Amino acid sequence: DKIHAINVPTLIVTGDKDKYILPQGSHILHEKIPNSKLIVFSPNIGHMVNYEAKDEYIKVMEEFLENI
């Protein structure tokens, strides 16, 4: 399992109602990638986080990118 070897800043985003990549899968990734950050968008946000929660998504991305 090479995922533990990721050593770059990693942001994982998901929607609480994502039917393609279930939020549980994102939580597993977060647990396995050292120093990763997980953001779960809600309520009722699906797979297209950047479309369904555009303003919040942009804010999260800007904050993440400013800190790497």
C-alpha atoms as a PDB file:
ATOM      1  CA  ASP A   1       0.000   0.000   0.000  1.00  0.00           C
ATOM      2  CA  LYS A   2       1.922   3.041  -1.289  1.00  0.00           C
ATOM      3  CA  ILE A   3      -0.621   5.620  -0.210  1.00  0.00           C
ATOM      4  CA  HIS A   4       1.203   6.061   3.121  1.00  0.00           C
ATOM      5  CA  ALA A   5       4.220   7.308   1.150  1.00  0.00           C
ATOM      6  CA  ILE A   6       2.464  10.454  -0.076  1.00  0.00           C
ATOM      7  CA  ASN A   7       4.398  13.308   1.485  1.00  0.00           C
ATOM      8  CA  VAL A   8       2.960  16.397  -0.156  1.00  0.00           C
ATOM      9  CA  PRO A   9       0.103  18.562   1.107  1.00  0.00           C
ATOM     10  CA  THR A  10      -3.088  16.731   0.199  1.00  0.00           C
ATOM     11  CA  LEU A  11      -6.614  18.106   0.318  1.00  0.00           C
ATOM     12  CA  ILE A  12      -9.459  15.611   0.092  1.00  0.00           C
ATOM     13  CA  VAL A  13     -12.915  17.041  -0.590  1.00  0.00           C
ATOM     14  CA  THR A  14     -16.198  15.208  -0.718  1.00  0.00           C
ATOM     15  CA  GLY A  15     -19.884  15.884  -0.457  1.00  0.00           C
ATOM     16  CA  ASP A  16     -21.916  14.320   2.304  1.00  0.00           C
ATOM     17  CA  LYS A  17     -24.240  12.803  -0.332  1.00  0.00           C
ATOM     18  CA  ASP A  18     -21.603  11.778  -2.924  1.00  0.00           C
ATOM     19  CA  LYS A  19     -22.850   8.581  -4.604  1.00  0.00           C
ATOM     20  CA  TYR A  20     -19.775   8.009  -6.800  1.00  0.00           C
ATOM     21  CA  ILE A  21     -17.012   8.205  -4.212  1.00  0.00           C
ATOM     22  CA  LEU A  22     -18.709   7.593  -0.899  1.00  0.00           C
ATOM     23  CA  PRO A  23     -17.665   9.862   1.960  1.00  0.00           C
ATOM     24  CA  GLN A  24     -16.460   6.766   3.836  1.00  0.00           C
ATOM     25  CA  GLY A  25     -13.875   6.256   1.081  1.00  0.00           C
ATOM     26  CA  SER A  26     -12.640   9.801   1.528  1.00  0.00           C
ATOM     27  CA  HIS A  27     -12.314   9.220   5.270  1.00  0.00           C
ATOM     28  CA  ILE A  28     -10.198   6.118   4.576  1.00  0.00           C
ATOM     29  CA  LEU A  29      -7.932   8.120   2.242  1.00  0.00           C
ATOM     30  CA  HIS A  30      -7.574  10.792   4.893  1.00  0.00           C
ATOM     31  CA  GLU A  31      -6.585   8.215   7.502  1.00  0.00           C
ATOM     32  CA  LYS A  32      -3.959   6.705   5.185  1.00  0.00           C
ATOM     33  CA  ILE A  33      -2.374   9.888   3.792  1.00  0.00           C
ATOM     34  CA  PRO A  34      -0.134  11.519   6.396  1.00  0.00           C
ATOM     35  CA  ASN A  35      -0.946  15.155   7.160  1.00  0.00           C
ATOM     36  CA  SER A  36      -3.852  15.224   4.725  1.00  0.00           C
ATOM     37  CA  LYS A  37      -6.828  17.487   5.229  1.00  0.00           C
ATOM     38  CA  LEU A  38     -10.399  16.271   4.705  1.00  0.00           C
ATOM     39  CA  ILE A  39     -13.302  18.604   4.036  1.00  0.00           C
ATOM     40  CA  VAL A  40     -16.837  17.194   3.838  1.00  0.00           C
ATOM     41  CA  PHE A  41     -19.280  19.640   2.277  1.00  0.00           C
ATOM     42  CA  SER A  42     -22.873  19.575   3.518  1.00  0.00           C
ATOM     43  CA  PRO A  43     -25.818  19.530   3.630  1.00  0.00           C
ATOM     44  CA  ASN A  44     -26.923  17.466   0.657  1.00  0.00           C
ATOM     45  CA  ILE A  45     -23.805  17.991  -1.459  1.00  0.00           C
ATOM     46  CA  GLY A  46     -23.053  15.288  -4.012  1.00  0.00           C
ATOM     47  CA  HIS A  47     -20.087  14.448  -6.234  1.00  0.00           C
ATOM     48  CA  MET A  48     -19.820  17.846  -7.947  1.00  0.00           C
ATOM     49  CA  VAL A  49     -18.687  19.792  -4.894  1.00  0.00           C
ATOM     50  CA  ASN A  50     -17.139  22.577  -6.965  1.00  0.00           C
ATOM     51  CA  TYR A  51     -20.488  23.125  -8.694  1.00  0.00           C
ATOM     52  CA  GLU A  52     -22.930  22.420  -5.865  1.00  0.00           C
ATOM     53  CA  ALA A  53     -21.087  24.453  -3.219  1.00  0.00           C
ATOM     54  CA  LYS A  54     -19.080  26.757  -5.470  1.00  0.00           C
ATOM     55  CA  ASP A  55     -18.418  29.643  -3.079  1.00  0.00           C
ATOM     56  CA  GLU A  56     -17.505  27.425  -0.132  1.00  0.00           C
ATOM     57  CA  TYR A  57     -15.322  25.251  -2.387  1.00  0.00           C
ATOM     58  CA  ILE A  58     -13.399  28.262  -3.687  1.00  0.00           C
ATOM     59  CA  LYS A  59     -12.829  29.499  -0.131  1.00  0.00           C
ATOM     60  CA  VAL A  60     -11.520  26.095   1.010  1.00  0.00           C
ATOM     61  CA  MET A  61      -9.236  25.809  -2.025  1.00  0.00           C
ATOM     62  CA  GLU A  62      -7.832  29.318  -1.575  1.00  0.00           C
ATOM     63  CA  GLU A  63      -7.118  28.696   2.120  1.00  0.00           C
ATOM     64  CA  PHE A  64      -5.448  25.364   1.366  1.00  0.00           C
ATOM     65  CA  LEU A  65      -3.301  26.770  -1.442  1.00  0.00           C
ATOM     66  CA  GLU A  66      -2.249  29.784   0.633  1.00  0.00           C
ATOM     67  CA  ASN A  67      -0.864  27.447   3.283  1.00  0.00           C
ATOM     68  CA  ILE A  68       1.268  25.148   1.160  1.00  0.00           C
END
